[in-house]
């Protein structure tokens, strides 16, 4: 039941009889599912939107099927594998942020003002970025400079460095692979800072020399607007 499952997410079946997890053999009851949205998950699993995971099926699935999956964790090795406990047709509400950005509540002056303010904030952040790219995270490690010294306080950002393969450059000039630093702490001072995860594909608004970053030459994402879903690439480009 969804009410009892620790992991509930909306996903799209992209492969049948396959597995992304080396420790789970592919078979008739396995499918690769792209996570489109997380309804409920342990904190450690919330940053998996956009990733492809393996689902050990309880019910038959079809290629391209979109559903709300209820599951429990099965394996977390080279990838993530979960065991399906239930499934129902996905009814995906439009995220509040998307509603604000699109001005969906056109009959509400307040909603229009919010949409305008959010577009302005995103435009300003994009204008300040040294580069804007669409890319996929292929690896993450703790920043060497941060790992070499003890934590200074409970509010330490826990800097980490993501390796990102660039698919598209929207602004600036970047190599095919870039290193991107981010604050990996869940502390109250950093919980709103964007977190990156292996397999994640996103629009990244990169800045150099961010305050507090161990390497002033590095690309950094720190603001909540700095990481956007891939479907907003055209919107971000239009704001530049």
Foldseek 3Di string as FASTA:
>chain_A
DQVPFQWKFKWWFAAAQDAPDPVDHGDRQKTWIATQATPHHPPVPRQRHRFIHMERHPDDDDHGAIWIFGWYWDDPDSHTYTYTPDIDHDDDDDDPLVCLLVVVVVVDPVSVVSNVVVLVVLLVLLVQFQWKFWWAWADKAFDPLCVVDDQPDPPGQRKMKTKIQTPGTLDHDDDRIFIEIWRPDCDPVQVLFDDHDHRHIWIARWHAQDPPDPHRGHTYGGHNSRTHHPVCSVVSSVSD
